[in-house]
Structure formats: C-alpha cells, structure tokens
Amino acid sequence: MERKILFKRIITSICLALSVLTGMAQTPRAGEVEVFAGAELNYADINYVRLYNVLINLTPGVKWHLGHDWLVTGQAYIPLYNDGYQNKHNVVRLTNAALAKQLHFGNQHFKLTGGLFGYDRYGLDLRWMYPVTSWLMFNAQAGYTGEWRLALNDATDWGKNHEIVKTKSTDFGSLDRFSGIVGANVWLEPWHTELRLSGGRYIGEEYGVQAEIMRHFPGCTVELYAQYHERAKTKYANREGGGFKVIMLLPDKWKWKSRKVTLRPASNFRLTYNAQADVVSMKMYTTDPEENERTYPVRIPWGTGNLKK
C-alpha cells in the first residue's frame, strides 16, 4: 500500500511540474513547417539470464501546415541501440508519410488521412468525433490498409513458423485489410477525468474491447486500461491484458522559431506498461507521427481540447 501511495505521489509531482512549464498550445499558421525529433525506448522483461531486451531509436519528423486544415507529415526511425530485439529494427527506415485533411460540420468532426502509416500499414483512414454534450462524445475510426516497408537495406526477421526470413527494404503489399473501432468518451469536468470504452476489429484481424480511465493534468495524463480480445495465433498469447500509461507533454518554450520554420523536440513523451501483452493483439496503426492518447486526432472543443497543454 505504501508503494502505491508513493508511486501516485511521484506521478502527480511530475505532472504538476510540467503543468507549470507548459502554456496554451498555439495553432500553426498556414505554410509553417515544424521539424522535430524524439527518441523511442523499448524494453521487455524476458528471462532471468538477461533481465531486459532494450531497443532505442531516434525519431526525427516533419509537419507542413498547408492551411485550411491540410497537413503533410513525415517521420523516420534511426536505430541507436538494439540488445535482444529482432534484426529488422537495425535499419534506417521511413515510418510515416501522409496527407491529412480535417472537416468540421457543427458538432461533427472528421479527419481523412492517406499515405504511409505506423505499424507498417498504408492506405486510407477516416476518423469521426461527435461531442453530444459537454460530458459525452462518440467517436469512430475506419481504415483500409496494406503492408509496406521502405528502408535503406534489407533485414532478417522471424517468420510465422519461427523461421528466419528476409524482409525486403522496399515492399508494398496489396490493400487487403479493413479495421474499424467505435467508442464513447465520458468527461468528468470537476476532476478532469475521462472514461473511455472502445472496441472493434484491429489490424491483426482480431476483435477486442478496451476500457480506459484517464486523469488529465495541464501537462500530463495518467491512464489505466484493461483489454479483452480474441486469442492471437501465437504460443504465448492471452485473451486479457492491461497496464498503465503516462503521457507527458513537453513545454512549448523548448523550441526555436522563425517566420515559417519551427525546430522543437517531439510534442510528448509516453511511458507504457503492458501486462500479459503480446506483439500482435489489439494493435492499431498511427496516422500522425506524434499521435498519443491525450491529444485527440481531430481538433475539437471538448475534453482535453479545452485544457492547457
């Protein structure tokens, strides 16, 4: 019990400190180009011989705001350190190149994106968000995608039957997979707390549901989540999963800005802990290189859209 209380105090202190540093997010001007960079750290507790597998990538990216809610995005992964992860992560590769357009019709908000997405999927994606009241919002996502890969050279990977196979540096599969998620969000204004329930068909072609509870601070979000899904076709798959996430937004003042170009770090830092998770269940591609659970994919005046960064 004392450890739980101490952990809660540490997370709260971090979030309050960031809230002092952060200010209101500014809407980029038409023609503005944002160049940013972050780092990705992956680690997994595997066995008693080697406590953790570790993977570190540098993730530079760019956003070009064309005006009228048009946006061009791009991002690449540059490997820095790999101990225990698959060899396919040891190559410089493109991870995002997309064109997006937001549409707003009263309380109906849409975002249509086409291009190369995260999790090696490409195709078309449609987001819909509908704030019904100040405390209730419905949302949905639908995508039609295929596999893709653009890298500087080939890599080796483990195949479906645990055989070593060659991953091509340039490869585009056919558009062959439909994924769709529907959900509802409840906003509790006195506590800046959000409840989310969602479910549907994910890119692994399995169905599942997820429940989330989030506490939003001005510069940070702490989330607990639980999942239930079809059993994946892997040896160590589970039907249930869960864990916690911490999304910390970096201050706007940490950037250099000219008339049309902005240089800055990535907008957020995320810490995720998965319990009983495998590498395929309930995964969904990302269309924006800085996509996260706190910031809605569409600009809306609801929930965290009304909060300070």
C-alpha atoms as a PDB file:
ATOM      1  CA  MET A   1       0.000   0.000   0.000  1.00  0.00           C
ATOM      2  CA  GLU A   2       2.850   2.402   0.867  1.00  0.00           C
ATOM      3  CA  ARG A   3       4.489   1.719  -2.523  1.00  0.00           C
ATOM      4  CA  LYS A   4       1.230   2.504  -4.332  1.00  0.00           C
ATOM      5  CA  ILE A   5       0.862   5.789  -2.458  1.00  0.00           C
ATOM      6  CA  LEU A   6       4.498   6.719  -3.166  1.00  0.00           C
ATOM      7  CA  PHE A   7       4.114   5.912  -6.898  1.00  0.00           C
ATOM      8  CA  LYS A   8       0.957   8.051  -7.067  1.00  0.00           C
ATOM      9  CA  ARG A   9       2.734  10.975  -5.403  1.00  0.00           C
ATOM     10  CA  ILE A  10       5.702  10.732  -7.795  1.00  0.00           C
ATOM     11  CA  ILE A  11       3.462  10.747 -10.880  1.00  0.00           C
ATOM     12  CA  THR A  12       1.402  13.649  -9.500  1.00  0.00           C
ATOM     13  CA  SER A  13       4.539  15.673  -8.762  1.00  0.00           C
ATOM     14  CA  ILE A  14       5.888  15.156 -12.297  1.00  0.00           C
ATOM     15  CA  CYS A  15       2.586  16.209 -13.853  1.00  0.00           C
ATOM     16  CA  LEU A  16       2.257  19.319 -11.681  1.00  0.00           C
ATOM     17  CA  ALA A  17       5.839  20.346 -12.508  1.00  0.00           C
ATOM     18  CA  LEU A  18       5.174  20.028 -16.223  1.00  0.00           C
ATOM     19  CA  SER A  19       1.932  21.976 -15.896  1.00  0.00           C
ATOM     20  CA  VAL A  20       3.897  24.973 -14.579  1.00  0.00           C
ATOM     21  CA  LEU A  21       6.252  24.886 -17.577  1.00  0.00           C
ATOM     22  CA  THR A  22       3.636  24.445 -20.287  1.00  0.00           C
ATOM     23  CA  GLY A  23       1.369  27.060 -21.800  1.00  0.00           C
ATOM     24  CA  MET A  24      -1.512  27.153 -24.244  1.00  0.00           C
ATOM     25  CA  ALA A  25      -0.810  25.283 -27.490  1.00  0.00           C
ATOM     26  CA  GLN A  26      -0.650  27.614 -30.468  1.00  0.00           C
ATOM     27  CA  THR A  27      -2.365  26.807 -33.747  1.00  0.00           C
ATOM     28  CA  PRO A  28       0.296  26.733 -36.522  1.00  0.00           C
ATOM     29  CA  ARG A  29      -0.002  29.271 -39.330  1.00  0.00           C
ATOM     30  CA  ALA A  30      -0.593  28.307 -42.961  1.00  0.00           C
ATOM     31  CA  GLY A  31       2.694  27.450 -44.609  1.00  0.00           C
ATOM     32  CA  GLU A  32       4.521  26.809 -41.330  1.00  0.00           C
ATOM     33  CA  VAL A  33       6.910  23.837 -41.222  1.00  0.00           C
ATOM     34  CA  GLU A  34       7.652  22.087 -37.930  1.00  0.00           C
ATOM     35  CA  VAL A  35      10.814  19.994 -37.698  1.00  0.00           C
ATOM     36  CA  PHE A  36      11.019  17.876 -34.560  1.00  0.00           C
ATOM     37  CA  ALA A  37      12.854  14.910 -33.094  1.00  0.00           C
ATOM     38  CA  GLY A  38      12.261  12.454 -30.304  1.00  0.00           C
ATOM     39  CA  ALA A  39      13.584   9.132 -29.083  1.00  0.00           C
ATOM     40  CA  GLU A  40      11.858   5.777 -28.668  1.00  0.00           C
ATOM     41  CA  LEU A  41      12.846   3.365 -25.895  1.00  0.00           C
ATOM     42  CA  ASN A  42      11.505  -0.206 -25.881  1.00  0.00           C
ATOM     43  CA  TYR A  43      12.361  -2.735 -23.207  1.00  0.00           C
ATOM     44  CA  ALA A  44      10.954  -6.134 -22.267  1.00  0.00           C
ATOM     45  CA  ASP A  45      11.474  -8.395 -19.253  1.00  0.00           C
ATOM     46  CA  ILE A  46      12.354 -11.712 -20.940  1.00  0.00           C
ATOM     47  CA  ASN A  47      14.125 -14.107 -18.556  1.00  0.00           C
ATOM     48  CA  TYR A  48      16.453 -14.372 -15.569  1.00  0.00           C
ATOM     49  CA  VAL A  49      19.620 -14.604 -17.685  1.00  0.00           C
ATOM     50  CA  ARG A  50      19.178 -11.208 -19.357  1.00  0.00           C
ATOM     51  CA  LEU A  51      16.697  -9.094 -17.438  1.00  0.00           C
ATOM     52  CA  TYR A  52      15.703  -6.768 -20.283  1.00  0.00           C
ATOM     53  CA  ASN A  53      15.717  -6.579 -24.057  1.00  0.00           C
ATOM     54  CA  VAL A  54      16.424  -2.950 -24.990  1.00  0.00           C
ATOM     55  CA  LEU A  55      15.783  -1.017 -28.215  1.00  0.00           C
ATOM     56  CA  ILE A  56      16.461   2.716 -28.683  1.00  0.00           C
ATOM     57  CA  ASN A  57      15.566   4.652 -31.831  1.00  0.00           C
ATOM     58  CA  LEU A  58      15.882   8.308 -32.820  1.00  0.00           C
ATOM     59  CA  THR A  59      12.633   9.540 -34.409  1.00  0.00           C
ATOM     60  CA  PRO A  60      13.034  12.757 -36.437  1.00  0.00           C
ATOM     61  CA  GLY A  61       9.928  14.069 -38.188  1.00  0.00           C
ATOM     62  CA  VAL A  62       8.319  16.977 -40.011  1.00  0.00           C
ATOM     63  CA  LYS A  63       4.879  18.594 -40.242  1.00  0.00           C
ATOM     64  CA  TRP A  64       3.937  21.015 -43.019  1.00  0.00           C
ATOM     65  CA  HIS A  65       0.757  23.001 -42.361  1.00  0.00           C
ATOM     66  CA  LEU A  66      -0.748  23.906 -45.741  1.00  0.00           C
ATOM     67  CA  GLY A  67      -3.654  25.905 -44.364  1.00  0.00           C
ATOM     68  CA  HIS A  68      -7.401  25.193 -44.329  1.00  0.00           C
ATOM     69  CA  ASP A  69      -6.751  22.154 -42.078  1.00  0.00           C
ATOM     70  CA  TRP A  70      -4.481  20.399 -44.600  1.00  0.00           C
ATOM     71  CA  LEU A  71      -1.389  18.750 -43.138  1.00  0.00           C
ATOM     72  CA  VAL A  72       1.595  16.843 -44.587  1.00  0.00           C
ATOM     73  CA  THR A  73       3.579  14.656 -42.164  1.00  0.00           C
ATOM     74  CA  GLY A  74       6.709  12.518 -42.302  1.00  0.00           C
ATOM     75  CA  GLN A  75       8.914  10.591 -39.900  1.00  0.00           C
ATOM     76  CA  ALA A  76      11.881   8.196 -39.931  1.00  0.00           C
ATOM     77  CA  TYR A  77      13.432   5.763 -37.449  1.00  0.00           C
ATOM     78  CA  ILE A  78      17.197   5.821 -36.931  1.00  0.00           C
ATOM     79  CA  PRO A  79      18.441   2.879 -34.795  1.00  0.00           C
ATOM     80  CA  LEU A  80      20.814   3.756 -31.957  1.00  0.00           C
ATOM     81  CA  TYR A  81      20.960   0.621 -29.777  1.00  0.00           C
ATOM     82  CA  ASN A  82      19.499  -2.899 -30.011  1.00  0.00           C
ATOM     83  CA  ASP A  83      20.050  -5.678 -27.476  1.00  0.00           C
ATOM     84  CA  GLY A  84      17.678  -8.624 -27.879  1.00  0.00           C
ATOM     85  CA  TYR A  85      15.140  -7.259 -30.378  1.00  0.00           C
ATOM     86  CA  GLN A  86      14.664  -8.502 -33.938  1.00  0.00           C
ATOM     87  CA  ASN A  87      17.229  -7.579 -36.587  1.00  0.00           C
ATOM     88  CA  LYS A  88      14.604  -5.786 -38.657  1.00  0.00           C
ATOM     89  CA  HIS A  89      14.952  -2.862 -36.237  1.00  0.00           C
ATOM     90  CA  ASN A  90      18.613  -2.342 -37.147  1.00  0.00           C
ATOM     91  CA  VAL A  91      17.980  -0.375 -40.355  1.00  0.00           C
ATOM     92  CA  VAL A  92      17.104   3.251 -41.039  1.00  0.00           C
ATOM     93  CA  ARG A  93      13.554   3.297 -42.362  1.00  0.00           C
ATOM     94  CA  LEU A  94      10.663   5.590 -43.155  1.00  0.00           C
ATOM     95  CA  THR A  95       7.751   5.227 -40.722  1.00  0.00           C
ATOM     96  CA  ASN A  96       5.274   7.921 -41.813  1.00  0.00           C
ATOM     97  CA  ALA A  97       4.461   9.945 -44.909  1.00  0.00           C
ATOM     98  CA  ALA A  98       0.856  11.116 -45.048  1.00  0.00           C
ATOM     99  CA  LEU A  99      -1.550  13.821 -46.186  1.00  0.00           C
ATOM    100  CA  ALA A 100      -4.447  14.695 -43.857  1.00  0.00           C
ATOM    101  CA  LYS A 101      -7.497  16.955 -44.040  1.00  0.00           C
ATOM    102  CA  GLN A 102      -9.841  17.927 -41.208  1.00  0.00           C
ATOM    103  CA  LEU A 103     -13.514  18.745 -41.801  1.00  0.00           C
ATOM    104  CA  HIS A 104     -15.880  20.376 -39.312  1.00  0.00           C
ATOM    105  CA  PHE A 105     -19.674  20.490 -39.694  1.00  0.00           C
ATOM    106  CA  GLY A 106     -21.187  21.829 -36.496  1.00  0.00           C
ATOM    107  CA  ASN A 107     -20.648  19.140 -33.855  1.00  0.00           C
ATOM    108  CA  GLN A 108     -19.497  16.609 -36.463  1.00  0.00           C
ATOM    109  CA  HIS A 109     -15.720  16.497 -36.827  1.00  0.00           C
ATOM    110  CA  PHE A 110     -13.825  14.380 -39.366  1.00  0.00           C
ATOM    111  CA  LYS A 111     -10.236  13.694 -40.388  1.00  0.00           C
ATOM    112  CA  LEU A 112      -9.325  11.893 -43.597  1.00  0.00           C
ATOM    113  CA  THR A 113      -5.732  10.677 -43.983  1.00  0.00           C
ATOM    114  CA  GLY A 114      -3.978   8.866 -46.797  1.00  0.00           C
ATOM    115  CA  GLY A 115      -0.406   7.639 -47.085  1.00  0.00           C
ATOM    116  CA  LEU A 116       2.122   5.567 -45.157  1.00  0.00           C
ATOM    117  CA  PHE A 117       1.123   4.920 -41.539  1.00  0.00           C
ATOM    118  CA  GLY A 118       2.717   3.482 -38.420  1.00  0.00           C
ATOM    119  CA  TYR A 119       2.941  -0.279 -37.750  1.00  0.00           C
ATOM    120  CA  ASP A 120       3.922  -0.709 -41.421  1.00  0.00           C
ATOM    121  CA  ARG A 121       0.409  -0.090 -42.797  1.00  0.00           C
ATOM    122  CA  TYR A 122      -0.502   2.159 -45.712  1.00  0.00           C
ATOM    123  CA  GLY A 123      -3.833   3.185 -47.197  1.00  0.00           C
ATOM    124  CA  LEU A 124      -6.768   5.374 -46.136  1.00  0.00           C
ATOM    125  CA  ASP A 125      -8.018   6.250 -42.666  1.00  0.00           C
ATOM    126  CA  LEU A 126     -11.166   8.118 -41.540  1.00  0.00           C
ATOM    127  CA  ARG A 127     -11.721   9.478 -38.027  1.00  0.00           C
ATOM    128  CA  TRP A 128     -15.057  10.772 -36.704  1.00  0.00           C
ATOM    129  CA  MET A 129     -15.733  12.577 -33.421  1.00  0.00           C
ATOM    130  CA  TYR A 130     -19.157  13.745 -32.248  1.00  0.00           C
ATOM    131  CA  PRO A 131     -19.448  15.639 -28.937  1.00  0.00           C
ATOM    132  CA  VAL A 132     -23.086  15.111 -27.951  1.00  0.00           C
ATOM    133  CA  THR A 133     -22.963  17.050 -24.688  1.00  0.00           C
ATOM    134  CA  SER A 134     -20.264  18.653 -22.547  1.00  0.00           C
ATOM    135  CA  TRP A 135     -19.708  15.254 -20.885  1.00  0.00           C
ATOM    136  CA  LEU A 136     -20.434  12.664 -23.639  1.00  0.00           C
ATOM    137  CA  MET A 137     -18.731  12.105 -27.005  1.00  0.00           C
ATOM    138  CA  PHE A 138     -18.954   9.326 -29.591  1.00  0.00           C
ATOM    139  CA  ASN A 139     -16.090   8.515 -31.955  1.00  0.00           C
ATOM    140  CA  ALA A 140     -15.092   6.034 -34.620  1.00  0.00           C
ATOM    141  CA  GLN A 141     -12.156   5.073 -36.835  1.00  0.00           C
ATOM    142  CA  ALA A 142     -12.174   3.094 -40.070  1.00  0.00           C
ATOM    143  CA  GLY A 143      -9.225   2.129 -42.249  1.00  0.00           C
ATOM    144  CA  TYR A 144      -8.451   0.136 -45.373  1.00  0.00           C
ATOM    145  CA  THR A 145      -4.760  -0.702 -45.429  1.00  0.00           C
ATOM    146  CA  GLY A 146      -1.963  -2.955 -46.686  1.00  0.00           C
ATOM    147  CA  GLU A 147       1.585  -3.755 -45.585  1.00  0.00           C
ATOM    148  CA  TRP A 148       4.534  -1.584 -46.619  1.00  0.00           C
ATOM    149  CA  ARG A 149       8.217  -1.054 -45.872  1.00  0.00           C
ATOM    150  CA  LEU A 150      10.794   1.494 -47.074  1.00  0.00           C
ATOM    151  CA  ALA A 151      14.295   1.107 -45.599  1.00  0.00           C
ATOM    152  CA  LEU A 152      17.922   1.668 -46.580  1.00  0.00           C
ATOM    153  CA  ASN A 153      18.625  -2.066 -46.720  1.00  0.00           C
ATOM    154  CA  ASP A 154      17.084  -5.477 -46.102  1.00  0.00           C
ATOM    155  CA  ALA A 155      16.772  -7.059 -42.654  1.00  0.00           C
ATOM    156  CA  THR A 156      16.185 -10.501 -41.200  1.00  0.00           C
ATOM    157  CA  ASP A 157      13.133 -11.319 -39.123  1.00  0.00           C
ATOM    158  CA  TRP A 158      11.356 -14.270 -37.508  1.00  0.00           C
ATOM    159  CA  GLY A 159       8.633 -15.673 -39.761  1.00  0.00           C
ATOM    160  CA  LYS A 160       5.235 -17.044 -38.745  1.00  0.00           C
ATOM    161  CA  ASN A 161       6.689 -20.542 -38.217  1.00  0.00           C
ATOM    162  CA  HIS A 162       9.710 -19.265 -36.245  1.00  0.00           C
ATOM    163  CA  GLU A 163      11.950 -19.410 -39.320  1.00  0.00           C
ATOM    164  CA  ILE A 164      14.411 -16.688 -40.228  1.00  0.00           C
ATOM    165  CA  VAL A 165      13.119 -14.850 -43.286  1.00  0.00           C
ATOM    166  CA  LYS A 166      14.305 -11.869 -45.298  1.00  0.00           C
ATOM    167  CA  THR A 167      12.424  -8.579 -45.001  1.00  0.00           C
ATOM    168  CA  LYS A 168      12.730  -6.533 -48.187  1.00  0.00           C
ATOM    169  CA  SER A 169      13.901  -2.940 -47.952  1.00  0.00           C
ATOM    170  CA  THR A 170      11.216  -1.852 -50.443  1.00  0.00           C
ATOM    171  CA  ASP A 171       7.957  -3.722 -50.265  1.00  0.00           C
ATOM    172  CA  PHE A 172       4.292  -2.829 -50.799  1.00  0.00           C
ATOM    173  CA  GLY A 173       1.584  -5.426 -50.306  1.00  0.00           C
ATOM    174  CA  SER A 174      -1.923  -5.141 -51.631  1.00  0.00           C
ATOM    175  CA  LEU A 175      -4.642  -3.238 -49.806  1.00  0.00           C
ATOM    176  CA  ASP A 176      -6.251  -6.198 -48.101  1.00  0.00           C
ATOM    177  CA  ARG A 177      -7.319  -5.356 -44.578  1.00  0.00           C
ATOM    178  CA  PHE A 178     -10.241  -3.445 -43.093  1.00  0.00           C
ATOM    179  CA  SER A 179     -10.100  -2.261 -39.496  1.00  0.00           C
ATOM    180  CA  GLY A 180     -12.657  -0.305 -37.551  1.00  0.00           C
ATOM    181  CA  ILE A 181     -13.171   0.892 -33.972  1.00  0.00           C
ATOM    182  CA  VAL A 182     -16.150   2.594 -32.312  1.00  0.00           C
ATOM    183  CA  GLY A 183     -16.189   4.137 -28.867  1.00  0.00           C
ATOM    184  CA  ALA A 184     -17.663   6.522 -26.336  1.00  0.00           C
ATOM    185  CA  ASN A 185     -15.929   9.025 -24.041  1.00  0.00           C
ATOM    186  CA  VAL A 186     -17.289  10.452 -20.781  1.00  0.00           C
ATOM    187  CA  TRP A 187     -15.765  13.666 -19.386  1.00  0.00           C
ATOM    188  CA  LEU A 188     -15.945  14.390 -15.651  1.00  0.00           C
ATOM    189  CA  GLU A 189     -15.163  18.110 -15.529  1.00  0.00           C
ATOM    190  CA  PRO A 190     -14.690  18.620 -11.740  1.00  0.00           C
ATOM    191  CA  TRP A 191     -11.840  16.091 -11.734  1.00  0.00           C
ATOM    192  CA  HIS A 192     -10.575  16.481 -15.339  1.00  0.00           C
ATOM    193  CA  THR A 193     -11.069  12.738 -15.608  1.00  0.00           C
ATOM    194  CA  GLU A 194     -12.056  10.875 -18.764  1.00  0.00           C
ATOM    195  CA  LEU A 195     -13.618   7.433 -19.156  1.00  0.00           C
ATOM    196  CA  ARG A 196     -13.315   5.633 -22.494  1.00  0.00           C
ATOM    197  CA  LEU A 197     -14.861   2.441 -23.817  1.00  0.00           C
ATOM    198  CA  SER A 198     -13.973   1.242 -27.316  1.00  0.00           C
ATOM    199  CA  GLY A 199     -13.869  -1.902 -29.391  1.00  0.00           C
ATOM    200  CA  GLY A 200     -13.775  -3.286 -32.888  1.00  0.00           C
ATOM    201  CA  ARG A 201     -11.539  -5.007 -35.414  1.00  0.00           C
ATOM    202  CA  TYR A 202      -7.817  -4.271 -35.232  1.00  0.00           C
ATOM    203  CA  ILE A 203      -5.027  -4.614 -37.809  1.00  0.00           C
ATOM    204  CA  GLY A 204      -4.247  -8.139 -36.586  1.00  0.00           C
ATOM    205  CA  GLU A 205      -7.785  -9.045 -37.780  1.00  0.00           C
ATOM    206  CA  GLU A 206      -8.884  -9.899 -34.234  1.00  0.00           C
ATOM    207  CA  TYR A 207     -11.804  -8.346 -32.346  1.00  0.00           C
ATOM    208  CA  GLY A 208     -11.466  -6.823 -28.896  1.00  0.00           C
ATOM    209  CA  VAL A 209     -12.709  -4.259 -26.382  1.00  0.00           C
ATOM    210  CA  GLN A 210     -10.817  -1.812 -24.188  1.00  0.00           C
ATOM    211  CA  ALA A 211     -11.779   0.226 -21.110  1.00  0.00           C
ATOM    212  CA  GLU A 212      -9.694   3.222 -20.004  1.00  0.00           C
ATOM    213  CA  ILE A 213      -9.725   5.712 -17.163  1.00  0.00           C
ATOM    214  CA  MET A 214      -7.576   8.850 -17.507  1.00  0.00           C
ATOM    215  CA  ARG A 215      -6.678  11.621 -15.108  1.00  0.00           C
ATOM    216  CA  HIS A 216      -5.682  14.732 -17.068  1.00  0.00           C
ATOM    217  CA  PHE A 217      -3.329  17.327 -15.624  1.00  0.00           C
ATOM    218  CA  PRO A 218      -2.419  20.560 -17.509  1.00  0.00           C
ATOM    219  CA  GLY A 219       0.802  18.993 -18.820  1.00  0.00           C
ATOM    220  CA  CYS A 220       0.357  15.288 -18.237  1.00  0.00           C
ATOM    221  CA  THR A 221      -2.106  12.393 -18.442  1.00  0.00           C
ATOM    222  CA  VAL A 222      -2.059   9.200 -16.354  1.00  0.00           C
ATOM    223  CA  GLU A 223      -4.100   6.266 -17.665  1.00  0.00           C
ATOM    224  CA  LEU A 224      -5.132   2.799 -16.507  1.00  0.00           C
ATOM    225  CA  TYR A 225      -6.525   0.399 -19.107  1.00  0.00           C
ATOM    226  CA  ALA A 226      -7.834  -3.140 -19.481  1.00  0.00           C
ATOM    227  CA  GLN A 227      -8.333  -5.233 -22.653  1.00  0.00           C
ATOM    228  CA  TYR A 228     -10.191  -8.360 -23.659  1.00  0.00           C
ATOM    229  CA  HIS A 229      -9.735  -9.803 -27.146  1.00  0.00           C
ATOM    230  CA  GLU A 230      -9.648 -12.883 -29.308  1.00  0.00           C
ATOM    231  CA  ARG A 231      -6.672 -15.126 -28.693  1.00  0.00           C
ATOM    232  CA  ALA A 232      -3.856 -14.369 -31.124  1.00  0.00           C
ATOM    233  CA  LYS A 233      -2.264 -17.202 -33.069  1.00  0.00           C
ATOM    234  CA  THR A 234       0.973 -17.141 -31.099  1.00  0.00           C
ATOM    235  CA  LYS A 235       2.382 -19.518 -28.486  1.00  0.00           C
ATOM    236  CA  TYR A 236       2.235 -17.131 -25.535  1.00  0.00           C
ATOM    237  CA  ALA A 237      -0.956 -15.208 -26.340  1.00  0.00           C
ATOM    238  CA  ASN A 238      -3.523 -14.239 -23.695  1.00  0.00           C
ATOM    239  CA  ARG A 239      -7.116 -13.113 -24.017  1.00  0.00           C
ATOM    240  CA  GLU A 240      -6.783 -10.445 -21.330  1.00  0.00           C
ATOM    241  CA  GLY A 241      -4.333  -7.595 -20.958  1.00  0.00           C
ATOM    242  CA  GLY A 242      -3.883  -4.268 -19.245  1.00  0.00           C
ATOM    243  CA  GLY A 243      -1.497  -1.826 -17.691  1.00  0.00           C
ATOM    244  CA  PHE A 244      -0.885   1.890 -17.375  1.00  0.00           C
ATOM    245  CA  LYS A 245       0.341   4.780 -19.493  1.00  0.00           C
ATOM    246  CA  VAL A 246       1.826   8.181 -18.695  1.00  0.00           C
ATOM    247  CA  ILE A 247       1.732  10.834 -21.442  1.00  0.00           C
ATOM    248  CA  MET A 248       3.833  13.923 -20.673  1.00  0.00           C
ATOM    249  CA  LEU A 249       3.633  16.952 -22.957  1.00  0.00           C
ATOM    250  CA  LEU A 250       6.867  18.856 -23.429  1.00  0.00           C
ATOM    251  CA  PRO A 251       6.785  22.664 -22.941  1.00  0.00           C
ATOM    252  CA  ASP A 252       6.128  24.897 -25.954  1.00  0.00           C
ATOM    253  CA  LYS A 253       9.024  27.148 -24.889  1.00  0.00           C
ATOM    254  CA  TRP A 254      11.505  24.389 -25.795  1.00  0.00           C
ATOM    255  CA  LYS A 255      11.709  25.402 -29.454  1.00  0.00           C
ATOM    256  CA  TRP A 256      13.342  27.755 -31.934  1.00  0.00           C
ATOM    257  CA  LYS A 257      11.027  29.574 -34.288  1.00  0.00           C
ATOM    258  CA  SER A 258      11.467  31.735 -37.374  1.00  0.00           C
ATOM    259  CA  ARG A 259       8.790  33.146 -39.659  1.00  0.00           C
ATOM    260  CA  LYS A 260       7.995  29.843 -41.373  1.00  0.00           C
ATOM    261  CA  VAL A 261      10.117  27.162 -39.671  1.00  0.00           C
ATOM    262  CA  THR A 262       9.938  25.789 -36.144  1.00  0.00           C
ATOM    263  CA  LEU A 263      12.556  23.485 -34.619  1.00  0.00           C
ATOM    264  CA  ARG A 264      11.475  21.633 -31.482  1.00  0.00           C
ATOM    265  CA  PRO A 265      11.571  18.319 -29.610  1.00  0.00           C
ATOM    266  CA  ALA A 266       8.709  15.861 -30.033  1.00  0.00           C
ATOM    267  CA  SER A 267       5.459  17.122 -28.525  1.00  0.00           C
ATOM    268  CA  ASN A 268       5.122  14.350 -25.954  1.00  0.00           C
ATOM    269  CA  PHE A 269       6.896  11.594 -24.060  1.00  0.00           C
ATOM    270  CA  ARG A 270       4.992   8.386 -23.341  1.00  0.00           C
ATOM    271  CA  LEU A 271       5.624   5.651 -20.794  1.00  0.00           C
ATOM    272  CA  THR A 272       3.622   2.441 -21.331  1.00  0.00           C
ATOM    273  CA  TYR A 273       3.490  -0.707 -19.226  1.00  0.00           C
ATOM    274  CA  ASN A 274       1.718  -3.756 -20.676  1.00  0.00           C
ATOM    275  CA  ALA A 275       0.808  -6.797 -18.587  1.00  0.00           C
ATOM    276  CA  GLN A 276       0.125 -10.089 -20.403  1.00  0.00           C
ATOM    277  CA  ALA A 277       0.607  -8.345 -23.741  1.00  0.00           C
ATOM    278  CA  ASP A 278       1.879  -9.912 -26.953  1.00  0.00           C
ATOM    279  CA  VAL A 279       3.232  -8.184 -30.043  1.00  0.00           C
ATOM    280  CA  VAL A 280       0.131  -8.524 -32.227  1.00  0.00           C
ATOM    281  CA  SER A 281      -3.094  -8.303 -30.195  1.00  0.00           C
ATOM    282  CA  MET A 282      -5.213  -5.118 -30.333  1.00  0.00           C
ATOM    283  CA  LYS A 283      -2.641  -3.095 -32.267  1.00  0.00           C
ATOM    284  CA  MET A 284      -3.695  -0.141 -34.416  1.00  0.00           C
ATOM    285  CA  TYR A 285      -1.649   1.950 -36.835  1.00  0.00           C
ATOM    286  CA  THR A 286      -0.961   5.643 -36.232  1.00  0.00           C
ATOM    287  CA  THR A 287      -1.550   8.265 -38.924  1.00  0.00           C
ATOM    288  CA  ASP A 288       0.263  11.133 -37.167  1.00  0.00           C
ATOM    289  CA  PRO A 289       3.914  10.752 -36.076  1.00  0.00           C
ATOM    290  CA  GLU A 290       3.070  12.374 -32.699  1.00  0.00           C
ATOM    291  CA  GLU A 291      -0.234  10.588 -32.122  1.00  0.00           C
ATOM    292  CA  ASN A 292      -0.996   9.896 -28.463  1.00  0.00           C
ATOM    293  CA  GLU A 293      -3.901   9.049 -26.168  1.00  0.00           C
ATOM    294  CA  ARG A 294      -4.222  12.520 -24.631  1.00  0.00           C
ATOM    295  CA  THR A 295      -4.447  14.615 -27.807  1.00  0.00           C
ATOM    296  CA  TYR A 296      -7.496  13.884 -29.958  1.00  0.00           C
ATOM    297  CA  PRO A 297      -6.772  13.106 -33.621  1.00  0.00           C
ATOM    298  CA  VAL A 298      -9.256  15.807 -34.666  1.00  0.00           C
ATOM    299  CA  ARG A 299      -9.294  19.369 -33.325  1.00  0.00           C
ATOM    300  CA  ILE A 300     -12.431  19.653 -31.177  1.00  0.00           C
ATOM    301  CA  PRO A 301     -13.521  21.982 -28.301  1.00  0.00           C
ATOM    302  CA  TRP A 302     -14.236  19.099 -25.903  1.00  0.00           C
ATOM    303  CA  GLY A 303     -12.411  17.344 -23.107  1.00  0.00           C
ATOM    304  CA  THR A 304      -8.656  17.774 -23.399  1.00  0.00           C
ATOM    305  CA  GLY A 305      -9.259  20.071 -26.369  1.00  0.00           C
ATOM    306  CA  ASN A 306     -10.263  22.700 -23.810  1.00  0.00           C
ATOM    307  CA  LEU A 307      -7.285  22.143 -21.499  1.00  0.00           C
ATOM    308  CA  LYS A 308      -3.968  23.889 -21.416  1.00  0.00           C
ATOM    309  CA  LYS A 309      -1.131  21.932 -22.940  1.00  0.00           C
END
